[in-house]
Amino acid sequence: MSRNHGDWRGFRDVFSIMPIVNTLTALPISFAGIGIRESLFQVLLKDLCGFAAGLGAAIGSLGFAMRAVWGLPGGVLLLRVPGDRQGAAQDQWE
């Protein structure tokens, strides 16, 4: 992470970026935060950690791809498994 292996500041900086990025991409600015996530990683990783700008964009894109891949099985199950989803949700609150 850091140029000096004994220096943990770079490690902390990388992990301090995630809450900022997650909060800002949750705002309804763009569809699923696409574009915002990549730009934020690009700027913050470059400014705080000294990473190349392209690496920040790649990290943001890879993170979105991982979320999409993990969400696909859930979407398939939601569409395939029969059941009364509307009634089950209403029964939960009664």
N, C-alpha and C. Protein backbone atom coordinates (compact mmCIF):
# COMPACT_ATOMS: atom_id res chain seq x y z
N MET A 1 0.82 -1.18 0.00
CA MET A 1 0.00 0.00 0.00
C MET A 1 0.87 1.25 0.00
N SER A 2 1.72 1.32 0.92
CA SER A 2 2.55 2.51 1.05
C SER A 2 3.93 2.22 0.50
N ARG A 3 4.64 3.25 0.17
CA ARG A 3 5.99 3.06 -0.36
C ARG A 3 6.93 2.48 0.69
N ASN A 4 6.71 2.83 1.92
CA ASN A 4 7.51 2.31 3.02
C ASN A 4 6.67 1.26 3.75
N HIS A 5 7.13 0.04 3.82
CA HIS A 5 6.33 -1.04 4.40
C HIS A 5 6.06 -0.84 5.89
N GLY A 6 6.84 -0.07 6.58
CA GLY A 6 6.60 0.19 7.99
C GLY A 6 5.61 1.32 8.23
N ASP A 7 5.20 1.99 7.18
CA ASP A 7 4.31 3.14 7.29
C ASP A 7 2.87 2.70 7.03
N TRP A 8 2.00 2.82 8.03
CA TRP A 8 0.61 2.37 7.91
C TRP A 8 -0.33 3.50 7.52
N ARG A 9 0.18 4.70 7.29
CA ARG A 9 -0.69 5.81 6.91
C ARG A 9 -1.40 5.54 5.60
N GLY A 10 -0.72 4.99 4.62
CA GLY A 10 -1.33 4.69 3.32
C GLY A 10 -2.46 3.69 3.46
N PHE A 11 -2.26 2.70 4.30
CA PHE A 11 -3.29 1.69 4.56
C PHE A 11 -4.53 2.32 5.16
N ARG A 12 -4.36 3.19 6.13
CA ARG A 12 -5.49 3.89 6.76
C ARG A 12 -6.17 4.81 5.76
N ASP A 13 -5.40 5.48 4.93
CA ASP A 13 -5.97 6.39 3.94
C ASP A 13 -6.87 5.65 2.96
N VAL A 14 -6.42 4.50 2.49
CA VAL A 14 -7.21 3.72 1.54
C VAL A 14 -8.54 3.31 2.18
N PHE A 15 -8.50 2.85 3.41
CA PHE A 15 -9.74 2.41 4.06
C PHE A 15 -10.60 3.58 4.53
N SER A 16 -10.05 4.74 4.69
CA SER A 16 -10.86 5.89 5.07
C SER A 16 -11.64 6.44 3.88
N ILE A 17 -11.25 6.09 2.68
CA ILE A 17 -11.93 6.55 1.48
C ILE A 17 -13.28 5.85 1.30
N MET A 18 -13.37 4.59 1.68
CA MET A 18 -14.58 3.80 1.42
C MET A 18 -15.85 4.41 2.01
N PRO A 19 -15.89 4.84 3.27
CA PRO A 19 -17.13 5.44 3.77
C PRO A 19 -17.55 6.70 3.00
N ILE A 20 -16.59 7.48 2.56
CA ILE A 20 -16.90 8.68 1.79
C ILE A 20 -17.51 8.29 0.45
N VAL A 21 -16.89 7.35 -0.23
CA VAL A 21 -17.38 6.93 -1.54
C VAL A 21 -18.75 6.28 -1.42
N ASN A 22 -18.94 5.40 -0.44
CA ASN A 22 -20.23 4.73 -0.27
C ASN A 22 -21.35 5.72 0.05
N THR A 23 -21.06 6.72 0.85
CA THR A 23 -22.07 7.71 1.20
C THR A 23 -22.46 8.54 -0.01
N LEU A 24 -21.48 9.00 -0.77
CA LEU A 24 -21.78 9.85 -1.92
C LEU A 24 -22.41 9.09 -3.08
N THR A 25 -22.08 7.82 -3.25
CA THR A 25 -22.70 7.05 -4.33
C THR A 25 -24.11 6.61 -3.96
N ALA A 26 -24.47 6.67 -2.70
CA ALA A 26 -25.84 6.34 -2.30
C ALA A 26 -26.82 7.47 -2.60
N LEU A 27 -26.31 8.67 -2.83
CA LEU A 27 -27.17 9.80 -3.17
C LEU A 27 -27.76 9.59 -4.57
N PRO A 28 -28.99 9.98 -4.78
CA PRO A 28 -29.63 9.75 -6.09
C PRO A 28 -29.18 10.75 -7.16
N ILE A 29 -27.92 10.71 -7.48
CA ILE A 29 -27.35 11.60 -8.50
C ILE A 29 -27.28 10.90 -9.85
N SER A 30 -26.85 9.66 -9.86
CA SER A 30 -26.77 8.89 -11.09
C SER A 30 -27.25 7.47 -10.81
N PHE A 31 -27.49 6.70 -11.87
CA PHE A 31 -27.96 5.33 -11.72
C PHE A 31 -26.89 4.48 -11.05
N ALA A 32 -27.17 4.00 -9.86
CA ALA A 32 -26.28 3.13 -9.08
C ALA A 32 -24.93 3.77 -8.79
N GLY A 33 -24.83 5.07 -8.88
CA GLY A 33 -23.58 5.75 -8.59
C GLY A 33 -22.49 5.56 -9.63
N ILE A 34 -22.91 5.08 -10.82
CA ILE A 34 -21.93 4.84 -11.88
C ILE A 34 -21.34 6.17 -12.32
N GLY A 35 -20.06 6.23 -12.43
CA GLY A 35 -19.35 7.44 -12.83
C GLY A 35 -18.88 8.23 -11.62
N ILE A 36 -19.75 8.37 -10.64
CA ILE A 36 -19.38 9.09 -9.42
C ILE A 36 -18.37 8.27 -8.64
N ARG A 37 -18.65 6.98 -8.49
CA ARG A 37 -17.75 6.08 -7.75
C ARG A 37 -16.36 6.10 -8.35
N GLU A 38 -16.27 5.97 -9.67
CA GLU A 38 -14.98 5.91 -10.33
C GLU A 38 -14.23 7.24 -10.19
N SER A 39 -14.96 8.34 -10.35
CA SER A 39 -14.33 9.66 -10.22
C SER A 39 -13.81 9.90 -8.80
N LEU A 40 -14.62 9.51 -7.82
CA LEU A 40 -14.20 9.69 -6.42
C LEU A 40 -12.96 8.87 -6.11
N PHE A 41 -12.95 7.62 -6.52
CA PHE A 41 -11.76 6.79 -6.29
C PHE A 41 -10.56 7.37 -7.01
N GLN A 42 -10.77 7.84 -8.22
CA GLN A 42 -9.67 8.39 -9.00
C GLN A 42 -9.05 9.59 -8.29
N VAL A 43 -9.88 10.51 -7.84
CA VAL A 43 -9.37 11.73 -7.20
C VAL A 43 -8.82 11.44 -5.81
N LEU A 44 -9.58 10.72 -4.99
CA LEU A 44 -9.16 10.51 -3.60
C LEU A 44 -7.93 9.61 -3.49
N LEU A 45 -7.87 8.55 -4.27
CA LEU A 45 -6.69 7.68 -4.20
C LEU A 45 -5.45 8.39 -4.73
N LYS A 46 -5.62 9.24 -5.71
CA LYS A 46 -4.47 9.99 -6.24
C LYS A 46 -3.99 11.02 -5.23
N ASP A 47 -4.94 11.78 -4.66
CA ASP A 47 -4.56 12.85 -3.73
C ASP A 47 -4.09 12.34 -2.37
N LEU A 48 -4.77 11.35 -1.82
CA LEU A 48 -4.42 10.88 -0.48
C LEU A 48 -3.29 9.86 -0.47
N CYS A 49 -3.30 8.97 -1.45
CA CYS A 49 -2.36 7.84 -1.40
C CYS A 49 -1.28 7.88 -2.47
N GLY A 50 -1.42 8.77 -3.43
CA GLY A 50 -0.42 8.85 -4.48
C GLY A 50 -0.53 7.78 -5.54
N PHE A 51 -1.70 7.15 -5.66
CA PHE A 51 -1.90 6.13 -6.68
C PHE A 51 -2.11 6.79 -8.03
N ALA A 52 -1.88 6.04 -9.09
CA ALA A 52 -2.15 6.54 -10.44
C ALA A 52 -3.65 6.74 -10.61
N ALA A 53 -4.05 7.75 -11.39
CA ALA A 53 -5.47 8.07 -11.56
C ALA A 53 -6.22 6.91 -12.20
N GLY A 54 -5.60 6.24 -13.15
CA GLY A 54 -6.25 5.10 -13.81
C GLY A 54 -6.53 3.95 -12.86
N LEU A 55 -5.68 3.78 -11.87
CA LEU A 55 -5.88 2.71 -10.89
C LEU A 55 -7.13 2.97 -10.05
N GLY A 56 -7.37 4.22 -9.70
CA GLY A 56 -8.57 4.56 -8.94
C GLY A 56 -9.83 4.28 -9.72
N ALA A 57 -9.83 4.61 -11.00
CA ALA A 57 -10.99 4.34 -11.85
C ALA A 57 -11.20 2.83 -12.00
N ALA A 58 -10.12 2.09 -12.13
CA ALA A 58 -10.22 0.63 -12.25
C ALA A 58 -10.77 0.00 -10.98
N ILE A 59 -10.34 0.49 -9.83
CA ILE A 59 -10.84 -0.03 -8.55
C ILE A 59 -12.33 0.23 -8.41
N GLY A 60 -12.78 1.43 -8.78
CA GLY A 60 -14.20 1.75 -8.72
C GLY A 60 -15.02 0.88 -9.65
N SER A 61 -14.54 0.67 -10.85
CA SER A 61 -15.25 -0.18 -11.82
C SER A 61 -15.30 -1.63 -11.37
N LEU A 62 -14.19 -2.12 -10.83
CA LEU A 62 -14.15 -3.49 -10.34
C LEU A 62 -15.09 -3.69 -9.16
N GLY A 63 -15.17 -2.71 -8.28
CA GLY A 63 -16.09 -2.80 -7.15
C GLY A 63 -17.54 -2.86 -7.60
N PHE A 64 -17.89 -2.06 -8.60
CA PHE A 64 -19.26 -2.10 -9.13
C PHE A 64 -19.53 -3.44 -9.79
N ALA A 65 -18.57 -3.96 -10.55
CA ALA A 65 -18.75 -5.25 -11.21
C ALA A 65 -18.93 -6.37 -10.19
N MET A 66 -18.19 -6.32 -9.09
CA MET A 66 -18.33 -7.35 -8.06
C MET A 66 -19.72 -7.30 -7.43
N ARG A 67 -20.23 -6.11 -7.15
CA ARG A 67 -21.57 -5.99 -6.58
C ARG A 67 -22.63 -6.50 -7.55
N ALA A 68 -22.46 -6.19 -8.83
CA ALA A 68 -23.42 -6.65 -9.83
C ALA A 68 -23.40 -8.17 -9.95
N VAL A 69 -22.23 -8.76 -9.97
CA VAL A 69 -22.12 -10.23 -10.08
C VAL A 69 -22.74 -10.90 -8.86
N TRP A 70 -22.51 -10.35 -7.66
CA TRP A 70 -23.09 -10.94 -6.46
C TRP A 70 -24.60 -10.72 -6.40
N GLY A 71 -25.10 -9.69 -7.04
CA GLY A 71 -26.54 -9.42 -7.03
C GLY A 71 -27.32 -10.26 -8.02
N LEU A 72 -26.66 -10.77 -9.06
CA LEU A 72 -27.35 -11.55 -10.08
C LEU A 72 -28.02 -12.81 -9.54
N PRO A 73 -27.35 -13.63 -8.72
CA PRO A 73 -28.04 -14.81 -8.19
C PRO A 73 -29.29 -14.45 -7.38
N GLY A 74 -29.22 -13.39 -6.62
CA GLY A 74 -30.38 -12.96 -5.84
C GLY A 74 -31.53 -12.52 -6.73
N GLY A 75 -31.21 -11.82 -7.82
CA GLY A 75 -32.24 -11.40 -8.76
C GLY A 75 -32.88 -12.58 -9.46
N VAL A 76 -32.07 -13.56 -9.83
CA VAL A 76 -32.60 -14.76 -10.47
C VAL A 76 -33.52 -15.51 -9.50
N LEU A 77 -33.09 -15.67 -8.26
CA LEU A 77 -33.92 -16.36 -7.28
C LEU A 77 -35.22 -15.60 -7.01
N LEU A 78 -35.14 -14.31 -6.97
CA LEU A 78 -36.33 -13.49 -6.73
C LEU A 78 -37.36 -13.70 -7.84
N LEU A 79 -36.89 -13.82 -9.07
CA LEU A 79 -37.80 -14.00 -10.19
C LEU A 79 -38.25 -15.45 -10.36
N ARG A 80 -37.45 -16.40 -9.93
CA ARG A 80 -37.74 -17.82 -10.15
C ARG A 80 -38.55 -18.49 -9.05
N VAL A 81 -38.30 -18.13 -7.81
CA VAL A 81 -38.94 -18.82 -6.69
C VAL A 81 -40.37 -18.33 -6.57
N PRO A 82 -41.32 -19.25 -6.66
CA PRO A 82 -42.72 -18.83 -6.55
C PRO A 82 -43.06 -18.45 -5.11
N GLY A 83 -43.99 -17.56 -4.98
CA GLY A 83 -44.41 -17.15 -3.65
C GLY A 83 -45.14 -15.83 -3.71
N ASP A 84 -45.89 -15.57 -2.66
CA ASP A 84 -46.66 -14.35 -2.58
C ASP A 84 -45.83 -13.32 -1.83
N ARG A 85 -44.99 -12.60 -2.56
CA ARG A 85 -44.11 -11.63 -1.92
C ARG A 85 -44.87 -10.44 -1.35
N GLN A 86 -45.91 -10.01 -2.03
CA GLN A 86 -46.70 -8.87 -1.58
C GLN A 86 -47.40 -9.21 -0.26
N GLY A 87 -48.04 -10.36 -0.21
CA GLY A 87 -48.75 -10.77 1.00
C GLY A 87 -47.81 -11.03 2.17
N ALA A 88 -46.63 -11.59 1.85
CA ALA A 88 -45.66 -11.88 2.92
C ALA A 88 -45.15 -10.58 3.54
N ALA A 89 -44.95 -9.56 2.74
CA ALA A 89 -44.48 -8.29 3.25
C ALA A 89 -45.55 -7.61 4.09
N GLN A 90 -46.80 -7.73 3.69
CA GLN A 90 -47.89 -7.12 4.45
C GLN A 90 -48.11 -7.86 5.77
N ASP A 91 -47.99 -9.19 5.76
CA ASP A 91 -48.17 -9.97 6.99
C ASP A 91 -47.10 -9.65 8.01
N GLN A 92 -45.92 -9.30 7.55
CA GLN A 92 -44.83 -9.01 8.47
C GLN A 92 -45.14 -7.79 9.33
N TRP A 93 -45.84 -6.82 8.79
CA TRP A 93 -46.11 -5.58 9.52
C TRP A 93 -47.43 -5.59 10.26
N GLU A 94 -48.19 -6.64 10.14
CA GLU A 94 -49.47 -6.70 10.86
C GLU A 94 -49.34 -7.40 12.18
